Amino acid sequence: DYDERHALPPASMTVSEALRYLLEQSGRTAADLLSVF
């Protein structure tokens, strides 16, 4: 479970796809990105 939540996105993904993938795998939401953007 931890490995899946902290998995790296496949290299073939675009930056936005990788960001969405990491959000999903980590259980975070778009609101968690407000501190970044």
PDB file of all heavy atoms in Angstrom:
ATOM      1  N   ASP A   1       0.839  -1.206   0.000  1.00  0.00           N
ATOM      2  CA  ASP A   1       0.000   0.000   0.000  1.00  0.00           C
ATOM      3  C   ASP A   1       0.871   1.253   0.000  1.00  0.00           C
ATOM      4  O   ASP A   1       0.640   2.177  -0.776  1.00  0.00           O
ATOM      5  CB  ASP A   1      -0.925  -0.004   1.223  1.00  0.00           C
ATOM      6  CG  ASP A   1      -1.671   1.310   1.373  1.00  0.00           C
ATOM      7  OD1 ASP A   1      -2.527   1.614   0.525  1.00  0.00           O
ATOM      8  OD2 ASP A   1      -1.378   2.040   2.342  1.00  0.00           O
ATOM      9  N   TYR A   2       1.885   1.283   0.856  1.00  0.00           N
ATOM     10  CA  TYR A   2       2.789   2.446   0.909  1.00  0.00           C
ATOM     11  C   TYR A   2       3.507   2.605  -0.424  1.00  0.00           C
ATOM     12  O   TYR A   2       3.604   3.712  -0.960  1.00  0.00           O
ATOM     13  CB  TYR A   2       3.795   2.275   2.041  1.00  0.00           C
ATOM     14  CG  TYR A   2       4.738   3.448   2.178  1.00  0.00           C
ATOM     15  CD1 TYR A   2       4.404   4.536   2.975  1.00  0.00           C
ATOM     16  CD2 TYR A   2       5.962   3.470   1.520  1.00  0.00           C
ATOM     17  CE1 TYR A   2       5.269   5.614   3.108  1.00  0.00           C
ATOM     18  CE2 TYR A   2       6.830   4.538   1.646  1.00  0.00           C
ATOM     19  CZ  TYR A   2       6.478   5.608   2.439  1.00  0.00           C
ATOM     20  OH  TYR A   2       7.327   6.679   2.563  1.00  0.00           O
ATOM     21  N   ASP A   3       4.006   1.500  -0.973  1.00  0.00           N
ATOM     22  CA  ASP A   3       4.710   1.557  -2.254  1.00  0.00           C
ATOM     23  C   ASP A   3       3.809   2.123  -3.349  1.00  0.00           C
ATOM     24  O   ASP A   3       4.248   2.958  -4.144  1.00  0.00           O
ATOM     25  CB  ASP A   3       5.196   0.167  -2.670  1.00  0.00           C
ATOM     26  CG  ASP A   3       6.412  -0.298  -1.887  1.00  0.00           C
ATOM     27  OD1 ASP A   3       7.111   0.555  -1.299  1.00  0.00           O
ATOM     28  OD2 ASP A   3       6.662  -1.520  -1.876  1.00  0.00           O
ATOM     29  N   GLU A   4       2.560   1.685  -3.385  1.00  0.00           N
ATOM     30  CA  GLU A   4       1.636   2.171  -4.411  1.00  0.00           C
ATOM     31  C   GLU A   4       1.325   3.654  -4.235  1.00  0.00           C
ATOM     32  O   GLU A   4       1.205   4.389  -5.203  1.00  0.00           O
ATOM     33  CB  GLU A   4       0.345   1.354  -4.399  1.00  0.00           C
ATOM     34  CG  GLU A   4       0.542  -0.044  -4.950  1.00  0.00           C
ATOM     35  CD  GLU A   4      -0.684  -0.922  -4.801  1.00  0.00           C
ATOM     36  OE1 GLU A   4      -1.710  -0.472  -4.239  1.00  0.00           O
ATOM     37  OE2 GLU A   4      -0.612  -2.076  -5.252  1.00  0.00           O
ATOM     38  N   ARG A   5       1.204   4.097  -2.985  1.00  0.00           N
ATOM     39  CA  ARG A   5       0.916   5.508  -2.733  1.00  0.00           C
ATOM     40  C   ARG A   5       2.119   6.400  -3.008  1.00  0.00           C
ATOM     41  O   ARG A   5       1.974   7.598  -3.192  1.00  0.00           O
ATOM     42  CB  ARG A   5       0.439   5.721  -1.297  1.00  0.00           C
ATOM     43  CG  ARG A   5      -0.977   5.212  -1.065  1.00  0.00           C
ATOM     44  CD  ARG A   5      -1.489   5.518   0.333  1.00  0.00           C
ATOM     45  NE  ARG A   5      -0.819   4.693   1.331  1.00  0.00           N
ATOM     46  CZ  ARG A   5      -0.147   5.164   2.383  1.00  0.00           C
ATOM     47  NH1 ARG A   5      -0.054   6.444   2.603  1.00  0.00           N
ATOM     48  NH2 ARG A   5       0.423   4.331   3.243  1.00  0.00           N
ATOM     49  N   HIS A   6       3.310   5.817  -3.015  1.00  0.00           N
ATOM     50  CA  HIS A   6       4.521   6.604  -3.230  1.00  0.00           C
ATOM     51  C   HIS A   6       5.237   6.192  -4.516  1.00  0.00           C
ATOM     52  O   HIS A   6       6.423   6.444  -4.678  1.00  0.00           O
ATOM     53  CB  HIS A   6       5.454   6.471  -2.027  1.00  0.00           C
ATOM     54  CG  HIS A   6       4.882   7.107  -0.818  1.00  0.00           C
ATOM     55  ND1 HIS A   6       4.014   6.446   0.024  1.00  0.00           N
ATOM     56  CD2 HIS A   6       5.007   8.350  -0.319  1.00  0.00           C
ATOM     57  CE1 HIS A   6       3.646   7.264   0.993  1.00  0.00           C
ATOM     58  NE2 HIS A   6       4.227   8.415   0.811  1.00  0.00           N
ATOM     59  N   ALA A   7       4.495   5.572  -5.412  1.00  0.00           N
ATOM     60  CA  ALA A   7       5.081   5.102  -6.667  1.00  0.00           C
ATOM     61  C   ALA A   7       5.411   6.272  -7.585  1.00  0.00           C
ATOM     62  O   ALA A   7       4.732   7.293  -7.572  1.00  0.00           O
ATOM     63  CB  ALA A   7       4.102   4.155  -7.367  1.00  0.00           C
ATOM     64  N   LEU A   8       6.433   6.087  -8.361  1.00  0.00           N
ATOM     65  CA  LEU A   8       6.790   7.094  -9.353  1.00  0.00           C
ATOM     66  C   LEU A   8       5.913   6.919 -10.578  1.00  0.00           C
ATOM     67  O   LEU A   8       5.587   5.799 -10.970  1.00  0.00           O
ATOM     68  CB  LEU A   8       8.256   6.942  -9.749  1.00  0.00           C
ATOM     69  CG  LEU A   8       9.262   7.287  -8.667  1.00  0.00           C
ATOM     70  CD1 LEU A   8      10.672   7.007  -9.162  1.00  0.00           C
ATOM     71  CD2 LEU A   8       9.131   8.742  -8.258  1.00  0.00           C
ATOM     72  N   PRO A   9       5.542   8.031 -11.198  1.00  0.00           N
ATOM     73  CA  PRO A   9       4.733   7.925 -12.416  1.00  0.00           C
ATOM     74  C   PRO A   9       5.571   7.358 -13.555  1.00  0.00           C
ATOM     75  O   PRO A   9       6.795   7.568 -13.594  1.00  0.00           O
ATOM     76  CB  PRO A   9       4.318   9.371 -12.688  1.00  0.00           C
ATOM     77  CG  PRO A   9       5.329  10.211 -11.990  1.00  0.00           C
ATOM     78  CD  PRO A   9       5.807   9.409 -10.822  1.00  0.00           C
ATOM     79  N   PRO A  10       4.944   6.684 -14.506  1.00  0.00           N
ATOM     80  CA  PRO A  10       5.681   6.181 -15.673  1.00  0.00           C
ATOM     81  C   PRO A  10       6.337   7.339 -16.424  1.00  0.00           C
ATOM     82  O   PRO A  10       5.777   8.430 -16.526  1.00  0.00           O
ATOM     83  CB  PRO A  10       4.595   5.513 -16.514  1.00  0.00           C
ATOM     84  CG  PRO A  10       3.516   5.174 -15.539  1.00  0.00           C
ATOM     85  CD  PRO A  10       3.550   6.256 -14.501  1.00  0.00           C
ATOM     86  N   ALA A  11       7.519   7.102 -16.955  1.00  0.00           N
ATOM     87  CA  ALA A  11       8.283   8.152 -17.647  1.00  0.00           C
ATOM     88  C   ALA A  11       7.557   8.674 -18.880  1.00  0.00           C
ATOM     89  O   ALA A  11       7.810   9.801 -19.321  1.00  0.00           O
ATOM     90  CB  ALA A  11       9.656   7.617 -18.027  1.00  0.00           C
ATOM     91  N   SER A  12       6.656   7.895 -19.451  1.00  0.00           N
ATOM     92  CA  SER A  12       5.958   8.306 -20.669  1.00  0.00           C
ATOM     93  C   SER A  12       4.869   9.348 -20.403  1.00  0.00           C
ATOM     94  O   SER A  12       4.311   9.908 -21.342  1.00  0.00           O
ATOM     95  CB  SER A  12       5.340   7.081 -21.347  1.00  0.00           C
ATOM     96  OG  SER A  12       4.400   6.471 -20.464  1.00  0.00           O
ATOM     97  N   MET A  13       4.570   9.630 -19.157  1.00  0.00           N
ATOM     98  CA  MET A  13       3.506  10.587 -18.826  1.00  0.00           C
ATOM     99  C   MET A  13       3.974  12.028 -19.022  1.00  0.00           C
ATOM    100  O   MET A  13       5.140  12.341 -18.818  1.00  0.00           O
ATOM    101  CB  MET A  13       3.071  10.431 -17.364  1.00  0.00           C
ATOM    102  CG  MET A  13       2.274   9.214 -17.085  1.00  0.00           C
ATOM    103  SD  MET A  13       1.695   9.256 -15.363  1.00  0.00           S
ATOM    104  CE  MET A  13       0.497   7.952 -15.419  1.00  0.00           C
ATOM    105  N   THR A  14       3.023  12.880 -19.383  1.00  0.00           N
ATOM    106  CA  THR A  14       3.307  14.304 -19.424  1.00  0.00           C
ATOM    107  C   THR A  14       3.419  14.805 -17.979  1.00  0.00           C
ATOM    108  O   THR A  14       3.055  14.094 -17.043  1.00  0.00           O
ATOM    109  CB  THR A  14       2.185  15.078 -20.132  1.00  0.00           C
ATOM    110  OG1 THR A  14       0.994  14.982 -19.345  1.00  0.00           O
ATOM    111  CG2 THR A  14       1.929  14.553 -21.549  1.00  0.00           C
ATOM    112  N   VAL A  15       3.880  16.037 -17.820  1.00  0.00           N
ATOM    113  CA  VAL A  15       4.013  16.609 -16.475  1.00  0.00           C
ATOM    114  C   VAL A  15       2.658  16.653 -15.784  1.00  0.00           C
ATOM    115  O   VAL A  15       2.533  16.274 -14.613  1.00  0.00           O
ATOM    116  CB  VAL A  15       4.650  18.018 -16.551  1.00  0.00           C
ATOM    117  CG1 VAL A  15       4.581  18.711 -15.210  1.00  0.00           C
ATOM    118  CG2 VAL A  15       6.092  17.915 -17.031  1.00  0.00           C
ATOM    119  N   SER A  16       1.620  17.085 -16.485  1.00  0.00           N
ATOM    120  CA  SER A  16       0.299  17.177 -15.853  1.00  0.00           C
ATOM    121  C   SER A  16      -0.244  15.791 -15.513  1.00  0.00           C
ATOM    122  O   SER A  16      -0.858  15.600 -14.460  1.00  0.00           O
ATOM    123  CB  SER A  16      -0.686  17.948 -16.737  1.00  0.00           C
ATOM    124  OG  SER A  16      -0.873  17.307 -17.979  1.00  0.00           O
ATOM    125  N   GLU A  17      -0.008  14.806 -16.366  1.00  0.00           N
ATOM    126  CA  GLU A  17      -0.443  13.433 -16.077  1.00  0.00           C
ATOM    127  C   GLU A  17       0.298  12.897 -14.848  1.00  0.00           C
ATOM    128  O   GLU A  17      -0.308  12.234 -13.998  1.00  0.00           O
ATOM    129  CB  GLU A  17      -0.184  12.519 -17.280  1.00  0.00           C
ATOM    130  CG  GLU A  17      -1.095  12.773 -18.457  1.00  0.00           C
ATOM    131  CD  GLU A  17      -0.670  12.028 -19.710  1.00  0.00           C
ATOM    132  OE1 GLU A  17       0.521  11.672 -19.841  1.00  0.00           O
ATOM    133  OE2 GLU A  17      -1.545  11.798 -20.566  1.00  0.00           O
ATOM    134  N   ALA A  18       1.605  13.190 -14.778  1.00  0.00           N
ATOM    135  CA  ALA A  18       2.395  12.742 -13.626  1.00  0.00           C
ATOM    136  C   ALA A  18       1.880  13.382 -12.340  1.00  0.00           C
ATOM    137  O   ALA A  18       1.779  12.723 -11.303  1.00  0.00           O
ATOM    138  CB  ALA A  18       3.872  13.081 -13.836  1.00  0.00           C
ATOM    139  N   LEU A  19       1.523  14.665 -12.411  1.00  0.00           N
ATOM    140  CA  LEU A  19       1.002  15.363 -11.239  1.00  0.00           C
ATOM    141  C   LEU A  19      -0.329  14.751 -10.801  1.00  0.00           C
ATOM    142  O   LEU A  19      -0.541  14.482  -9.617  1.00  0.00           O
ATOM    143  CB  LEU A  19       0.845  16.853 -11.543  1.00  0.00           C
ATOM    144  CG  LEU A  19       0.422  17.747 -10.393  1.00  0.00           C
ATOM    145  CD1 LEU A  19       1.346  17.605  -9.194  1.00  0.00           C
ATOM    146  CD2 LEU A  19       0.375  19.197 -10.864  1.00  0.00           C
ATOM    147  N   ARG A  20      -1.219  14.495 -11.749  1.00  0.00           N
ATOM    148  CA  ARG A  20      -2.510  13.860 -11.414  1.00  0.00           C
ATOM    149  C   ARG A  20      -2.286  12.450 -10.855  1.00  0.00           C
ATOM    150  O   ARG A  20      -2.935  12.041  -9.898  1.00  0.00           O
ATOM    151  CB  ARG A  20      -3.424  13.825 -12.636  1.00  0.00           C
ATOM    152  CG  ARG A  20      -3.955  15.186 -13.031  1.00  0.00           C
ATOM    153  CD  ARG A  20      -5.081  15.112 -14.049  1.00  0.00           C
ATOM    154  NE  ARG A  20      -4.774  14.315 -15.214  1.00  0.00           N
ATOM    155  CZ  ARG A  20      -4.244  14.786 -16.346  1.00  0.00           C
ATOM    156  NH1 ARG A  20      -3.947  16.058 -16.463  1.00  0.00           N
ATOM    157  NH2 ARG A  20      -4.018  13.980 -17.364  1.00  0.00           N
ATOM    158  N   TYR A  21      -1.344  11.710 -11.435  1.00  0.00           N
ATOM    159  CA  TYR A  21      -1.027  10.361 -10.972  1.00  0.00           C
ATOM    160  C   TYR A  21      -0.543  10.392  -9.521  1.00  0.00           C
ATOM    161  O   TYR A  21      -1.004   9.611  -8.685  1.00  0.00           O
ATOM    162  CB  TYR A  21       0.041   9.763 -11.894  1.00  0.00           C
ATOM    163  CG  TYR A  21       0.565   8.417 -11.456  1.00  0.00           C
ATOM    164  CD1 TYR A  21      -0.071   7.244 -11.852  1.00  0.00           C
ATOM    165  CD2 TYR A  21       1.706   8.308 -10.663  1.00  0.00           C
ATOM    166  CE1 TYR A  21       0.412   6.007 -11.464  1.00  0.00           C
ATOM    167  CE2 TYR A  21       2.190   7.072 -10.271  1.00  0.00           C
ATOM    168  CZ  TYR A  21       1.540   5.926 -10.675  1.00  0.00           C
ATOM    169  OH  TYR A  21       2.010   4.709 -10.283  1.00  0.00           O
ATOM    170  N   LEU A  22       0.384  11.298  -9.219  1.00  0.00           N
ATOM    171  CA  LEU A  22       0.913  11.389  -7.861  1.00  0.00           C
ATOM    172  C   LEU A  22      -0.167  11.808  -6.866  1.00  0.00           C
ATOM    173  O   LEU A  22      -0.188  11.316  -5.734  1.00  0.00           O
ATOM    174  CB  LEU A  22       2.098  12.342  -7.811  1.00  0.00           C
ATOM    175  CG  LEU A  22       3.369  11.801  -8.468  1.00  0.00           C
ATOM    176  CD1 LEU A  22       4.401  12.902  -8.649  1.00  0.00           C
ATOM    177  CD2 LEU A  22       3.943  10.650  -7.665  1.00  0.00           C
ATOM    178  N   LEU A  23      -1.053  12.700  -7.287  1.00  0.00           N
ATOM    179  CA  LEU A  23      -2.177  13.083  -6.416  1.00  0.00           C
ATOM    180  C   LEU A  23      -3.005  11.854  -6.080  1.00  0.00           C
ATOM    181  O   LEU A  23      -3.325  11.600  -4.916  1.00  0.00           O
ATOM    182  CB  LEU A  23      -3.074  14.117  -7.097  1.00  0.00           C
ATOM    183  CG  LEU A  23      -2.748  15.573  -6.910  1.00  0.00           C
ATOM    184  CD1 LEU A  23      -3.749  16.432  -7.674  1.00  0.00           C
ATOM    185  CD2 LEU A  23      -2.722  15.977  -5.462  1.00  0.00           C
ATOM    186  N   GLU A  24      -3.358  11.104  -7.106  1.00  0.00           N
ATOM    187  CA  GLU A  24      -4.208   9.925  -6.911  1.00  0.00           C
ATOM    188  C   GLU A  24      -3.515   8.878  -6.046  1.00  0.00           C
ATOM    189  O   GLU A  24      -4.106   8.347  -5.103  1.00  0.00           O
ATOM    190  CB  GLU A  24      -4.560   9.315  -8.271  1.00  0.00           C
ATOM    191  CG  GLU A  24      -5.443   8.096  -8.172  1.00  0.00           C
ATOM    192  CD  GLU A  24      -5.744   7.507  -9.532  1.00  0.00           C
ATOM    193  OE1 GLU A  24      -5.941   8.282 -10.488  1.00  0.00           O
ATOM    194  OE2 GLU A  24      -5.785   6.269  -9.630  1.00  0.00           O
ATOM    195  N   GLN A  25      -2.253   8.591  -6.346  1.00  0.00           N
ATOM    196  CA  GLN A  25      -1.523   7.550  -5.616  1.00  0.00           C
ATOM    197  C   GLN A  25      -1.284   7.918  -4.155  1.00  0.00           C
ATOM    198  O   GLN A  25      -1.237   7.053  -3.291  1.00  0.00           O
ATOM    199  CB  GLN A  25      -0.185   7.254  -6.292  1.00  0.00           C
ATOM    200  CG  GLN A  25      -0.317   6.601  -7.642  1.00  0.00           C
ATOM    201  CD  GLN A  25      -1.014   5.257  -7.574  1.00  0.00           C
ATOM    202  OE1 GLN A  25      -0.683   4.421  -6.763  1.00  0.00           O
ATOM    203  NE2 GLN A  25      -2.001   5.062  -8.421  1.00  0.00           N
ATOM    204  N   SER A  26      -1.150   9.214  -3.888  1.00  0.00           N
ATOM    205  CA  SER A  26      -0.849   9.648  -2.523  1.00  0.00           C
ATOM    206  C   SER A  26      -2.098   9.873  -1.684  1.00  0.00           C
ATOM    207  O   SER A  26      -1.999  10.066  -0.471  1.00  0.00           O
ATOM    208  CB  SER A  26      -0.028  10.942  -2.559  1.00  0.00           C
ATOM    209  OG  SER A  26      -0.816  12.011  -3.043  1.00  0.00           O
ATOM    210  N   GLY A  27      -3.260   9.900  -2.334  1.00  0.00           N
ATOM    211  CA  GLY A  27      -4.496  10.165  -1.603  1.00  0.00           C
ATOM    212  C   GLY A  27      -4.704  11.647  -1.323  1.00  0.00           C
ATOM    213  O   GLY A  27      -5.596  12.028  -0.579  1.00  0.00           O
ATOM    214  N   ARG A  28      -3.900  12.480  -1.931  1.00  0.00           N
ATOM    215  CA  ARG A  28      -4.042  13.929  -1.758  1.00  0.00           C
ATOM    216  C   ARG A  28      -5.084  14.451  -2.738  1.00  0.00           C
ATOM    217  O   ARG A  28      -5.507  13.757  -3.646  1.00  0.00           O
ATOM    218  CB  ARG A  28      -2.703  14.628  -2.004  1.00  0.00           C
ATOM    219  CG  ARG A  28      -1.638  14.239  -1.003  1.00  0.00           C
ATOM    220  CD  ARG A  28      -0.350  14.995  -1.288  1.00  0.00           C
ATOM    221  NE  ARG A  28       0.754  14.554  -0.481  1.00  0.00           N
ATOM    222  CZ  ARG A  28       0.966  14.917   0.770  1.00  0.00           C
ATOM    223  NH1 ARG A  28       0.137  15.730   1.369  1.00  0.00           N
ATOM    224  NH2 ARG A  28       2.008  14.460   1.432  1.00  0.00           N
ATOM    225  N   THR A  29      -5.472  15.718  -2.538  1.00  0.00           N
ATOM    226  CA  THR A  29      -6.436  16.355  -3.428  1.00  0.00           C
ATOM    227  C   THR A  29      -5.821  17.612  -4.030  1.00  0.00           C
ATOM    228  O   THR A  29      -4.761  18.081  -3.589  1.00  0.00           O
ATOM    229  CB  THR A  29      -7.715  16.752  -2.664  1.00  0.00           C
ATOM    230  OG1 THR A  29      -7.379  17.790  -1.730  1.00  0.00           O
ATOM    231  CG2 THR A  29      -8.329  15.559  -1.947  1.00  0.00           C
ATOM    232  N   ALA A  30      -6.508  18.174  -5.010  1.00  0.00           N
ATOM    233  CA  ALA A  30      -6.041  19.411  -5.644  1.00  0.00           C
ATOM    234  C   ALA A  30      -5.868  20.519  -4.607  1.00  0.00           C
ATOM    235  O   ALA A  30      -4.971  21.355  -4.726  1.00  0.00           O
ATOM    236  CB  ALA A  30      -7.000  19.827  -6.747  1.00  0.00           C
ATOM    237  N   ALA A  31      -6.690  20.514  -3.586  1.00  0.00           N
ATOM    238  CA  ALA A  31      -6.581  21.534  -2.533  1.00  0.00           C
ATOM    239  C   ALA A  31      -5.222  21.471  -1.834  1.00  0.00           C
ATOM    240  O   ALA A  31      -4.716  22.500  -1.365  1.00  0.00           O
ATOM    241  CB  ALA A  31      -7.707  21.366  -1.513  1.00  0.00           C
ATOM    242  N   ASP A  32      -4.610  20.298  -1.797  1.00  0.00           N
ATOM    243  CA  ASP A  32      -3.292  20.155  -1.177  1.00  0.00           C
ATOM    244  C   ASP A  32      -2.198  20.857  -1.984  1.00  0.00           C
ATOM    245  O   ASP A  32      -1.089  21.042  -1.494  1.00  0.00           O
ATOM    246  CB  ASP A  32      -2.933  18.678  -1.011  1.00  0.00           C
ATOM    247  CG  ASP A  32      -3.852  17.969  -0.035  1.00  0.00           C
ATOM    248  OD1 ASP A  32      -4.198  18.568   0.994  1.00  0.00           O
ATOM    249  OD2 ASP A  32      -4.227  16.814  -0.322  1.00  0.00           O
ATOM    250  N   LEU A  33      -2.508  21.239  -3.218  1.00  0.00           N
ATOM    251  CA  LEU A  33      -1.527  21.900  -4.075  1.00  0.00           C
ATOM    252  C   LEU A  33      -1.590  23.425  -3.986  1.00  0.00           C
ATOM    253  O   LEU A  33      -0.775  24.107  -4.605  1.00  0.00           O
ATOM    254  CB  LEU A  33      -1.721  21.450  -5.530  1.00  0.00           C
ATOM    255  CG  LEU A  33      -1.569  19.957  -5.790  1.00  0.00           C
ATOM    256  CD1 LEU A  33      -1.810  19.646  -7.260  1.00  0.00           C
ATOM    257  CD2 LEU A  33      -0.214  19.455  -5.343  1.00  0.00           C
ATOM    258  N   LEU A  34      -2.538  23.931  -3.234  1.00  0.00           N
ATOM    259  CA  LEU A  34      -2.655  25.392  -3.106  1.00  0.00           C
ATOM    260  C   LEU A  34      -1.391  26.011  -2.521  1.00  0.00           C
ATOM    261  O   LEU A  34      -0.983  27.102  -2.927  1.00  0.00           O
ATOM    262  CB  LEU A  34      -3.870  25.768  -2.257  1.00  0.00           C
ATOM    263  CG  LEU A  34      -5.214  25.663  -2.968  1.00  0.00           C
ATOM    264  CD1 LEU A  34      -6.353  25.871  -1.984  1.00  0.00           C
ATOM    265  CD2 LEU A  34      -5.296  26.668  -4.108  1.00  0.00           C
ATOM    266  N   SER A  35      -0.752  25.322  -1.611  1.00  0.00           N
ATOM    267  CA  SER A  35       0.476  25.860  -1.019  1.00  0.00           C
ATOM    268  C   SER A  35       1.609  25.936  -2.042  1.00  0.00           C
ATOM    269  O   SER A  35       2.548  26.702  -1.867  1.00  0.00           O
ATOM    270  CB  SER A  35       0.910  25.007   0.177  1.00  0.00           C
ATOM    271  OG  SER A  35       1.230  23.695  -0.241  1.00  0.00           O
ATOM    272  N   VAL A  36       1.514  25.163  -3.107  1.00  0.00           N
ATOM    273  CA  VAL A  36       2.537  25.176  -4.154  1.00  0.00           C
ATOM    274  C   VAL A  36       2.227  26.237  -5.205  1.00  0.00           C
ATOM    275  O   VAL A  36       3.094  27.001  -5.611  1.00  0.00           O
ATOM    276  CB  VAL A  36       2.646  23.789  -4.832  1.00  0.00           C
ATOM    277  CG1 VAL A  36       3.596  23.823  -6.012  1.00  0.00           C
ATOM    278  CG2 VAL A  36       3.060  22.733  -3.820  1.00  0.00           C
ATOM    279  N   PHE A  37       0.952  26.304  -5.626  1.00  0.00           N
ATOM    280  CA  PHE A  37       0.580  27.172  -6.741  1.00  0.00           C
ATOM    281  C   PHE A  37      -0.073  28.485  -6.323  1.00  0.00           C
ATOM    282  O   PHE A  37      -0.157  29.412  -7.122  1.00  0.00           O
ATOM    283  CB  PHE A  37      -0.349  26.420  -7.704  1.00  0.00           C
ATOM    284  CG  PHE A  37       0.337  25.291  -8.412  1.00  0.00           C
ATOM    285  CD1 PHE A  37       0.176  23.988  -7.984  1.00  0.00           C
ATOM    286  CD2 PHE A  37       1.177  25.528  -9.488  1.00  0.00           C
ATOM    287  CE1 PHE A  37       0.820  22.940  -8.627  1.00  0.00           C
ATOM    288  CE2 PHE A  37       1.821  24.499 -10.141  1.00  0.00           C
ATOM    289  CZ  PHE A  37       1.641  23.194  -9.706  1.00  0.00           C
TER     290      PHE A  37
END
